[in-house]
PDB file of N, CA and C in Angstrom:
ATOM      1  N   MET A   1     -34.689  37.387   9.092  1.00  0.00           N
ATOM      2  CA  MET A   1     -34.581  38.246   7.939  1.00  0.00           C
ATOM      3  C   MET A   1     -34.625  37.378   6.713  1.00  0.00           C
ATOM      4  N   GLN A   2     -35.509  37.736   5.792  1.00  0.00           N
ATOM      5  CA  GLN A   2     -35.604  36.986   4.528  1.00  0.00           C
ATOM      6  C   GLN A   2     -35.053  37.766   3.370  1.00  0.00           C
ATOM      7  N   PHE A   3     -34.445  37.029   2.446  1.00  0.00           N
ATOM      8  CA  PHE A   3     -33.911  37.652   1.206  1.00  0.00           C
ATOM      9  C   PHE A   3     -34.729  37.196   0.055  1.00  0.00           C
ATOM     10  N   ASN A   4     -35.214  38.176  -0.735  1.00  0.00           N
ATOM     11  CA  ASN A   4     -36.041  37.896  -1.839  1.00  0.00           C
ATOM     12  C   ASN A   4     -35.324  37.493  -3.100  1.00  0.00           C
ATOM     13  N   THR A   5     -34.033  37.784  -3.181  1.00  0.00           N
ATOM     14  CA  THR A   5     -33.279  37.482  -4.385  1.00  0.00           C
ATOM     15  C   THR A   5     -32.125  36.585  -3.933  1.00  0.00           C
ATOM     16  N   GLY A   6     -31.890  35.501  -4.692  1.00  0.00           N
ATOM     17  CA  GLY A   6     -30.802  34.570  -4.376  1.00  0.00           C
ATOM     18  C   GLY A   6     -29.386  35.241  -4.378  1.00  0.00           C
ATOM     19  N   GLY A   7     -29.246  36.211  -5.266  1.00  0.00           N
ATOM     20  CA  GLY A   7     -27.940  36.845  -5.288  1.00  0.00           C
ATOM     21  C   GLY A   7     -27.515  37.743  -4.226  1.00  0.00           C
ATOM     22  N   VAL A   8     -28.513  38.199  -3.417  1.00  0.00           N
ATOM     23  CA  VAL A   8     -28.168  39.127  -2.370  1.00  0.00           C
ATOM     24  C   VAL A   8     -27.253  38.447  -1.323  1.00  0.00           C
ATOM     25  N   VAL A   9     -27.607  37.237  -0.867  1.00  0.00           N
ATOM     26  CA  VAL A   9     -26.730  36.571   0.053  1.00  0.00           C
ATOM     27  C   VAL A   9     -25.381  36.354  -0.407  1.00  0.00           C
ATOM     28  N   ASP A  10     -25.258  35.888  -1.699  1.00  0.00           N
ATOM     29  CA  ASP A  10     -23.971  35.634  -2.261  1.00  0.00           C
ATOM     30  C   ASP A  10     -23.103  36.949  -2.336  1.00  0.00           C
ATOM     31  N   GLU A  11     -23.797  38.051  -2.713  1.00  0.00           N
ATOM     32  CA  GLU A  11     -22.978  39.289  -2.726  1.00  0.00           C
ATOM     33  C   GLU A  11     -22.619  39.763  -1.364  1.00  0.00           C
ATOM     34  N   VAL A  12     -23.386  39.623  -0.336  1.00  0.00           N
ATOM     35  CA  VAL A  12     -23.000  40.053   0.998  1.00  0.00           C
ATOM     36  C   VAL A  12     -21.849  39.111   1.517  1.00  0.00           C
ATOM     37  N   VAL A  13     -22.000  37.806   1.314  1.00  0.00           N
ATOM     38  CA  VAL A  13     -20.966  36.923   1.748  1.00  0.00           C
ATOM     39  C   VAL A  13     -19.640  37.170   1.049  1.00  0.00           C
ATOM     40  N   ARG A  14     -19.710  37.454  -0.201  1.00  0.00           N
ATOM     41  CA  ARG A  14     -18.468  37.722  -0.981  1.00  0.00           C
ATOM     42  C   ARG A  14     -17.827  39.066  -0.526  1.00  0.00           C
ATOM     43  N   GLU A  15     -18.694  40.081  -0.326  1.00  0.00           N
ATOM     44  CA  GLU A  15     -18.162  41.311   0.167  1.00  0.00           C
ATOM     45  C   GLU A  15     -17.478  41.108   1.548  1.00  0.00           C
ATOM     46  N   ILE A  16     -18.055  40.407   2.402  1.00  0.00           N
ATOM     47  CA  ILE A  16     -17.462  40.198   3.768  1.00  0.00           C
ATOM     48  C   ILE A  16     -16.179  39.342   3.650  1.00  0.00           C
ATOM     49  N   LEU A  17     -16.215  38.312   2.779  1.00  0.00           N
ATOM     50  CA  LEU A  17     -15.023  37.523   2.590  1.00  0.00           C
ATOM     51  C   LEU A  17     -13.844  38.400   2.038  1.00  0.00           C
ATOM     52  N   ALA A  18     -14.195  39.235   1.089  1.00  0.00           N
ATOM     53  CA  ALA A  18     -13.191  40.175   0.563  1.00  0.00           C
ATOM     54  C   ALA A  18     -12.614  41.092   1.618  1.00  0.00           C
ATOM     55  N   ARG A  19     -13.371  41.478   2.558  1.00  0.00           N
ATOM     56  CA  ARG A  19     -12.973  42.415   3.575  1.00  0.00           C
ATOM     57  C   ARG A  19     -12.280  41.787   4.762  1.00  0.00           C
ATOM     58  N   HIS A  20     -12.742  40.478   5.085  1.00  0.00           N
ATOM     59  CA  HIS A  20     -12.280  39.912   6.311  1.00  0.00           C
ATOM     60  C   HIS A  20     -11.601  38.512   6.117  1.00  0.00           C
ATOM     61  N   GLY A  21     -11.676  37.984   4.972  1.00  0.00           N
ATOM     62  CA  GLY A  21     -11.246  36.579   4.776  1.00  0.00           C
ATOM     63  C   GLY A  21      -9.814  36.307   4.455  1.00  0.00           C
ATOM     64  N   ARG A  22      -9.025  37.359   4.152  1.00  0.00           N
ATOM     65  CA  ARG A  22      -7.657  37.178   3.809  1.00  0.00           C
ATOM     66  C   ARG A  22      -7.391  36.216   2.636  1.00  0.00           C
ATOM     67  N   ILE A  23      -8.392  36.289   1.691  1.00  0.00           N
ATOM     68  CA  ILE A  23      -8.306  35.449   0.498  1.00  0.00           C
ATOM     69  C   ILE A  23      -7.206  36.030  -0.429  1.00  0.00           C
ATOM     70  N   SER A  24      -6.423  35.123  -1.011  1.00  0.00           N
ATOM     71  CA  SER A  24      -5.217  35.553  -1.803  1.00  0.00           C
ATOM     72  C   SER A  24      -5.548  36.011  -3.219  1.00  0.00           C
ATOM     73  N   VAL A  25      -6.763  35.851  -3.664  1.00  0.00           N
ATOM     74  CA  VAL A  25      -7.149  36.336  -4.963  1.00  0.00           C
ATOM     75  C   VAL A  25      -8.363  37.235  -4.920  1.00  0.00           C
ATOM     76  N   PRO A  26      -8.671  37.999  -5.854  1.00  0.00           N
ATOM     77  CA  PRO A  26      -9.949  38.824  -5.835  1.00  0.00           C
ATOM     78  C   PRO A  26     -11.128  37.850  -5.647  1.00  0.00           C
ATOM     79  N   ILE A  27     -11.995  38.259  -4.751  1.00  0.00           N
ATOM     80  CA  ILE A  27     -13.119  37.390  -4.419  1.00  0.00           C
ATOM     81  C   ILE A  27     -14.053  37.230  -5.649  1.00  0.00           C
ATOM     82  N   ALA A  28     -14.052  38.167  -6.577  1.00  0.00           N
ATOM     83  CA  ALA A  28     -14.812  37.953  -7.841  1.00  0.00           C
ATOM     84  C   ALA A  28     -14.362  36.867  -8.647  1.00  0.00           C
ATOM     85  N   ASP A  29     -13.068  36.435  -8.494  1.00  0.00           N
ATOM     86  CA  ASP A  29     -12.476  35.391  -9.284  1.00  0.00           C
ATOM     87  C   ASP A  29     -12.648  34.048  -8.645  1.00  0.00           C
ATOM     88  N   VAL A  30     -13.184  34.012  -7.423  1.00  0.00           N
ATOM     89  CA  VAL A  30     -13.315  32.752  -6.661  1.00  0.00           C
ATOM     90  C   VAL A  30     -14.596  32.045  -7.142  1.00  0.00           C
ATOM     91  N   ASP A  31     -14.514  30.833  -7.576  1.00  0.00           N
ATOM     92  CA  ASP A  31     -15.609  30.030  -7.935  1.00  0.00           C
ATOM     93  C   ASP A  31     -16.343  29.654  -6.701  1.00  0.00           C
ATOM     94  N   GLY A  32     -17.689  29.527  -6.726  1.00  0.00           N
ATOM     95  CA  GLY A  32     -18.461  29.199  -5.538  1.00  0.00           C
ATOM     96  C   GLY A  32     -18.040  27.961  -4.771  1.00  0.00           C
ATOM     97  N   GLY A  33     -17.531  27.022  -5.462  1.00  0.00           N
ATOM     98  CA  GLY A  33     -17.139  25.704  -4.840  1.00  0.00           C
ATOM     99  C   GLY A  33     -15.637  25.597  -4.415  1.00  0.00           C
ATOM    100  N   ALA A  34     -14.899  26.717  -4.776  1.00  0.00           N
ATOM    101  CA  ALA A  34     -13.430  26.665  -4.469  1.00  0.00           C
ATOM    102  C   ALA A  34     -13.199  26.604  -2.978  1.00  0.00           C
ATOM    103  N   ASP A  35     -12.062  25.936  -2.629  1.00  0.00           N
ATOM    104  CA  ASP A  35     -11.647  25.793  -1.266  1.00  0.00           C
ATOM    105  C   ASP A  35     -11.090  27.085  -0.754  1.00  0.00           C
ATOM    106  N   LEU A  36     -11.869  27.725   0.158  1.00  0.00           N
ATOM    107  CA  LEU A  36     -11.394  28.958   0.694  1.00  0.00           C
ATOM    108  C   LEU A  36     -10.132  28.926   1.586  1.00  0.00           C
ATOM    109  N   PHE A  37     -10.012  27.803   2.208  1.00  0.00           N
ATOM    110  CA  PHE A  37      -8.812  27.606   3.087  1.00  0.00           C
ATOM    111  C   PHE A  37      -7.576  27.508   2.255  1.00  0.00           C
ATOM    112  N   ALA A  38      -7.727  26.845   1.075  1.00  0.00           N
ATOM    113  CA  ALA A  38      -6.534  26.759   0.103  1.00  0.00           C
ATOM    114  C   ALA A  38      -6.255  28.116  -0.412  1.00  0.00           C
ATOM    115  N   LEU A  39      -7.195  29.028  -0.422  1.00  0.00           N
ATOM    116  CA  LEU A  39      -7.007  30.383  -0.922  1.00  0.00           C
ATOM    117  C   LEU A  39      -6.553  31.409   0.110  1.00  0.00           C
ATOM    118  N   GLY A  40      -6.341  30.924   1.327  1.00  0.00           N
ATOM    119  CA  GLY A  40      -5.807  31.824   2.352  1.00  0.00           C
ATOM    120  C   GLY A  40      -6.666  32.011   3.639  1.00  0.00           C
ATOM    121  N   LEU A  41      -7.926  31.566   3.575  1.00  0.00           N
ATOM    122  CA  LEU A  41      -8.747  31.742   4.751  1.00  0.00           C
ATOM    123  C   LEU A  41      -8.152  30.902   5.949  1.00  0.00           C
ATOM    124  N   THR A  42      -8.006  31.578   7.039  1.00  0.00           N
ATOM    125  CA  THR A  42      -7.534  30.880   8.245  1.00  0.00           C
ATOM    126  C   THR A  42      -8.685  30.778   9.219  1.00  0.00           C
ATOM    127  N   SER A  43      -8.467  29.949  10.273  1.00  0.00           N
ATOM    128  CA  SER A  43      -9.565  29.823  11.254  1.00  0.00           C
ATOM    129  C   SER A  43      -9.863  31.169  11.919  1.00  0.00           C
ATOM    130  N   HIS A  44      -8.828  31.935  12.195  1.00  0.00           N
ATOM    131  CA  HIS A  44      -9.058  33.269  12.704  1.00  0.00           C
ATOM    132  C   HIS A  44      -9.856  34.142  11.793  1.00  0.00           C
ATOM    133  N   ALA A  45      -9.498  34.078  10.534  1.00  0.00           N
ATOM    134  CA  ALA A  45     -10.248  34.941   9.596  1.00  0.00           C
ATOM    135  C   ALA A  45     -11.711  34.404   9.424  1.00  0.00           C
ATOM    136  N   ALA A  46     -11.908  33.101   9.507  1.00  0.00           N
ATOM    137  CA  ALA A  46     -13.208  32.482   9.408  1.00  0.00           C
ATOM    138  C   ALA A  46     -14.074  33.100  10.529  1.00  0.00           C
ATOM    139  N   VAL A  47     -13.489  33.177  11.730  1.00  0.00           N
ATOM    140  CA  VAL A  47     -14.277  33.756  12.914  1.00  0.00           C
ATOM    141  C   VAL A  47     -14.637  35.237  12.582  1.00  0.00           C
ATOM    142  N   ASN A  48     -13.712  35.911  12.013  1.00  0.00           N
ATOM    143  CA  ASN A  48     -14.009  37.406  11.682  1.00  0.00           C
ATOM    144  C   ASN A  48     -15.108  37.463  10.593  1.00  0.00           C
ATOM    145  N   VAL A  49     -15.019  36.598   9.647  1.00  0.00           N
ATOM    146  CA  VAL A  49     -16.048  36.468   8.618  1.00  0.00           C
ATOM    147  C   VAL A  49     -17.432  36.211   9.306  1.00  0.00           C
ATOM    148  N   MET A  50     -17.453  35.265  10.140  1.00  0.00           N
ATOM    149  CA  MET A  50     -18.709  34.825  10.776  1.00  0.00           C
ATOM    150  C   MET A  50     -19.238  36.028  11.569  1.00  0.00           C
ATOM    151  N   LEU A  51     -18.458  36.740  12.348  1.00  0.00           N
ATOM    152  CA  LEU A  51     -18.891  37.820  13.187  1.00  0.00           C
ATOM    153  C   LEU A  51     -19.388  38.954  12.264  1.00  0.00           C
ATOM    154  N   ALA A  52     -18.720  39.206  11.181  1.00  0.00           N
ATOM    155  CA  ALA A  52     -19.223  40.252  10.219  1.00  0.00           C
ATOM    156  C   ALA A  52     -20.536  39.932   9.629  1.00  0.00           C
ATOM    157  N   ILE A  53     -20.704  38.620   9.247  1.00  0.00           N
ATOM    158  CA  ILE A  53     -21.975  38.244   8.692  1.00  0.00           C
ATOM    159  C   ILE A  53     -23.111  38.316   9.730  1.00  0.00           C
ATOM    160  N   GLU A  54     -22.806  37.934  10.988  1.00  0.00           N
ATOM    161  CA  GLU A  54     -23.831  38.020  11.988  1.00  0.00           C
ATOM    162  C   GLU A  54     -24.215  39.484  12.193  1.00  0.00           C
ATOM    163  N   ASP A  55     -23.243  40.318  12.281  1.00  0.00           N
ATOM    164  CA  ASP A  55     -23.486  41.785  12.443  1.00  0.00           C
ATOM    165  C   ASP A  55     -24.247  42.390  11.277  1.00  0.00           C
ATOM    166  N   ARG A  56     -23.828  42.133  10.097  1.00  0.00           N
ATOM    167  CA  ARG A  56     -24.498  42.661   8.881  1.00  0.00           C
ATOM    168  C   ARG A  56     -25.944  42.212   8.671  1.00  0.00           C
ATOM    169  N   LEU A  57     -26.146  40.901   8.901  1.00  0.00           N
ATOM    170  CA  LEU A  57     -27.453  40.371   8.518  1.00  0.00           C
ATOM    171  C   LEU A  57     -28.361  40.073   9.783  1.00  0.00           C
ATOM    172  N   ALA A  58     -27.804  40.477  10.972  1.00  0.00           N
ATOM    173  CA  ALA A  58     -28.603  40.251  12.190  1.00  0.00           C
ATOM    174  C   ALA A  58     -29.110  38.811  12.392  1.00  0.00           C
ATOM    175  N   ILE A  59     -28.120  37.888  12.127  1.00  0.00           N
ATOM    176  CA  ILE A  59     -28.353  36.460  12.408  1.00  0.00           C
ATOM    177  C   ILE A  59     -27.281  35.902  13.377  1.00  0.00           C
ATOM    178  N   GLU A  60     -27.445  34.770  13.857  1.00  0.00           N
ATOM    179  CA  GLU A  60     -26.489  34.144  14.769  1.00  0.00           C
ATOM    180  C   GLU A  60     -26.199  32.709  14.274  1.00  0.00           C
ATOM    181  N   PHE A  61     -24.908  32.446  14.161  1.00  0.00           N
ATOM    182  CA  PHE A  61     -24.491  31.055  13.816  1.00  0.00           C
ATOM    183  C   PHE A  61     -24.635  30.175  15.098  1.00  0.00           C
ATOM    184  N   PRO A  62     -25.391  29.097  15.001  1.00  0.00           N
ATOM    185  CA  PRO A  62     -25.444  28.208  16.152  1.00  0.00           C
ATOM    186  C   PRO A  62     -24.177  27.294  16.173  1.00  0.00           C
ATOM    187  N   ASP A  63     -23.937  26.740  17.317  1.00  0.00           N
ATOM    188  CA  ASP A  63     -22.721  25.896  17.464  1.00  0.00           C
ATOM    189  C   ASP A  63     -22.520  24.858  16.322  1.00  0.00           C
ATOM    190  N   GLU A  64     -23.570  24.244  15.916  1.00  0.00           N
ATOM    191  CA  GLU A  64     -23.458  23.185  14.940  1.00  0.00           C
ATOM    192  C   GLU A  64     -23.051  23.698  13.588  1.00  0.00           C
ATOM    193  N   LEU A  65     -23.135  24.945  13.327  1.00  0.00           N
ATOM    194  CA  LEU A  65     -22.704  25.532  12.048  1.00  0.00           C
ATOM    195  C   LEU A  65     -21.243  26.117  12.129  1.00  0.00           C
ATOM    196  N   MET A  66     -20.653  26.094  13.203  1.00  0.00           N
ATOM    197  CA  MET A  66     -19.307  26.615  13.413  1.00  0.00           C
ATOM    198  C   MET A  66     -18.322  25.470  13.175  1.00  0.00           C
ATOM    199  N   SER A  67     -18.278  25.156  11.832  1.00  0.00           N
ATOM    200  CA  SER A  67     -17.358  24.082  11.455  1.00  0.00           C
ATOM    201  C   SER A  67     -16.568  24.510  10.214  1.00  0.00           C
ATOM    202  N   LYS A  68     -15.468  23.820   9.989  1.00  0.00           N
ATOM    203  CA  LYS A  68     -14.619  24.086   8.813  1.00  0.00           C
ATOM    204  C   LYS A  68     -15.435  23.823   7.548  1.00  0.00           C
ATOM    205  N   ALA A  69     -16.256  22.872   7.513  1.00  0.00           N
ATOM    206  CA  ALA A  69     -16.995  22.547   6.319  1.00  0.00           C
ATOM    207  C   ALA A  69     -18.008  23.684   5.913  1.00  0.00           C
ATOM    208  N   VAL A  70     -18.517  24.397   6.827  1.00  0.00           N
ATOM    209  CA  VAL A  70     -19.453  25.464   6.488  1.00  0.00           C
ATOM    210  C   VAL A  70     -18.678  26.639   5.902  1.00  0.00           C
ATOM    211  N   PHE A  71     -17.415  26.841   6.306  1.00  0.00           N
ATOM    212  CA  PHE A  71     -16.604  27.981   5.786  1.00  0.00           C
ATOM    213  C   PHE A  71     -15.697  27.557   4.670  1.00  0.00           C
ATOM    214  N   ALA A  72     -15.735  26.356   4.193  1.00  0.00           N
ATOM    215  CA  ALA A  72     -14.966  25.814   3.183  1.00  0.00           C
ATOM    216  C   ALA A  72     -15.053  26.462   1.836  1.00  0.00           C
ATOM    217  N   SER A  73     -16.166  26.909   1.472  1.00  0.00           N
ATOM    218  CA  SER A  73     -16.465  27.533   0.213  1.00  0.00           C
ATOM    219  C   SER A  73     -17.507  28.589   0.258  1.00  0.00           C
ATOM    220  N   VAL A  74     -17.570  29.407  -0.747  1.00  0.00           N
ATOM    221  CA  VAL A  74     -18.637  30.444  -0.859  1.00  0.00           C
ATOM    222  C   VAL A  74     -19.952  29.777  -0.827  1.00  0.00           C
ATOM    223  N   ASP A  75     -20.110  28.724  -1.622  1.00  0.00           N
ATOM    224  CA  ASP A  75     -21.386  28.031  -1.701  1.00  0.00           C
ATOM    225  C   ASP A  75     -21.928  27.504  -0.406  1.00  0.00           C
ATOM    226  N   SER A  76     -21.012  26.905   0.345  1.00  0.00           N
ATOM    227  CA  SER A  76     -21.368  26.338   1.605  1.00  0.00           C
ATOM    228  C   SER A  76     -21.751  27.389   2.643  1.00  0.00           C
ATOM    229  N   LEU A  77     -20.996  28.482   2.625  1.00  0.00           N
ATOM    230  CA  LEU A  77     -21.309  29.552   3.497  1.00  0.00           C
ATOM    231  C   LEU A  77     -22.576  30.276   3.175  1.00  0.00           C
ATOM    232  N   VAL A  78     -22.796  30.519   1.888  1.00  0.00           N
ATOM    233  CA  VAL A  78     -24.082  31.083   1.440  1.00  0.00           C
ATOM    234  C   VAL A  78     -25.255  30.173   1.825  1.00  0.00           C
ATOM    235  N   GLY A  79     -25.115  28.885   1.629  1.00  0.00           N
ATOM    236  CA  GLY A  79     -26.190  27.919   2.087  1.00  0.00           C
ATOM    237  C   GLY A  79     -26.502  28.015   3.560  1.00  0.00           C
ATOM    238  N   ALA A  80     -25.473  28.124   4.393  1.00  0.00           N
ATOM    239  CA  ALA A  80     -25.649  28.200   5.809  1.00  0.00           C
ATOM    240  C   ALA A  80     -26.326  29.554   6.142  1.00  0.00           C
ATOM    241  N   VAL A  81     -25.937  30.627   5.531  1.00  0.00           N
ATOM    242  CA  VAL A  81     -26.546  31.923   5.809  1.00  0.00           C
ATOM    243  C   VAL A  81     -27.976  31.932   5.381  1.00  0.00           C
ATOM    244  N   ARG A  82     -28.296  31.371   4.180  1.00  0.00           N
ATOM    245  CA  ARG A  82     -29.657  31.340   3.736  1.00  0.00           C
ATOM    246  C   ARG A  82     -30.528  30.543   4.728  1.00  0.00           C
ATOM    247  N   SER A  83     -30.019  29.361   5.169  1.00  0.00           N
ATOM    248  CA  SER A  83     -30.863  28.592   6.089  1.00  0.00           C
ATOM    249  C   SER A  83     -31.107  29.393   7.415  1.00  0.00           C
ATOM    250  N   LEU A  84     -30.124  30.118   7.866  1.00  0.00           N
ATOM    251  CA  LEU A  84     -30.295  30.921   9.101  1.00  0.00           C
ATOM    252  C   LEU A  84     -31.240  32.099   8.862  1.00  0.00           C
ATOM    253  N   ALA A  85     -31.175  32.604   7.662  1.00  0.00           N
ATOM    254  CA  ALA A  85     -32.044  33.825   7.338  1.00  0.00           C
ATOM    255  C   ALA A  85     -33.495  33.395   6.919  1.00  0.00           C
ATOM    256  N   GLY A  86     -33.706  32.116   6.930  1.00  0.00           N
ATOM    257  CA  GLY A  86     -35.060  31.635   6.513  1.00  0.00           C
ATOM    258  C   GLY A  86     -35.308  31.696   5.053  1.00  0.00           C
ATOM    259  N   ASP A  87     -34.223  31.694   4.283  1.00  0.00           N
ATOM    260  CA  ASP A  87     -34.336  31.792   2.767  1.00  0.00           C
ATOM    261  C   ASP A  87     -33.786  30.535   2.112  1.00  0.00           C
ATOM    262  N   ALA A  88     -33.831  29.396   2.792  1.00  0.00           N
ATOM    263  CA  ALA A  88     -33.270  28.135   2.214  1.00  0.00           C
ATOM    264  C   ALA A  88     -34.194  27.613   1.218  1.00  0.00           C
TER     265      ALA A  88
END
């Protein structure tokens, strides 16, 4: 699946984080580079975020992308999703 506009992936990731991430502040207030784990994301919530992204975008996270670093910020997560969606 390819995305023609850069903002689409960011919007989808933010929507899913807001719904499944247990972030302690409104996702609209979260800077792209902010530490999501410091804002309340747990490893369990990260798995829920990953599953929701996979479901919504029809992609699959390979084992090498299932790391804390990938889920550490909106920017890192968006970058991973874009690479999986062929929009890197």
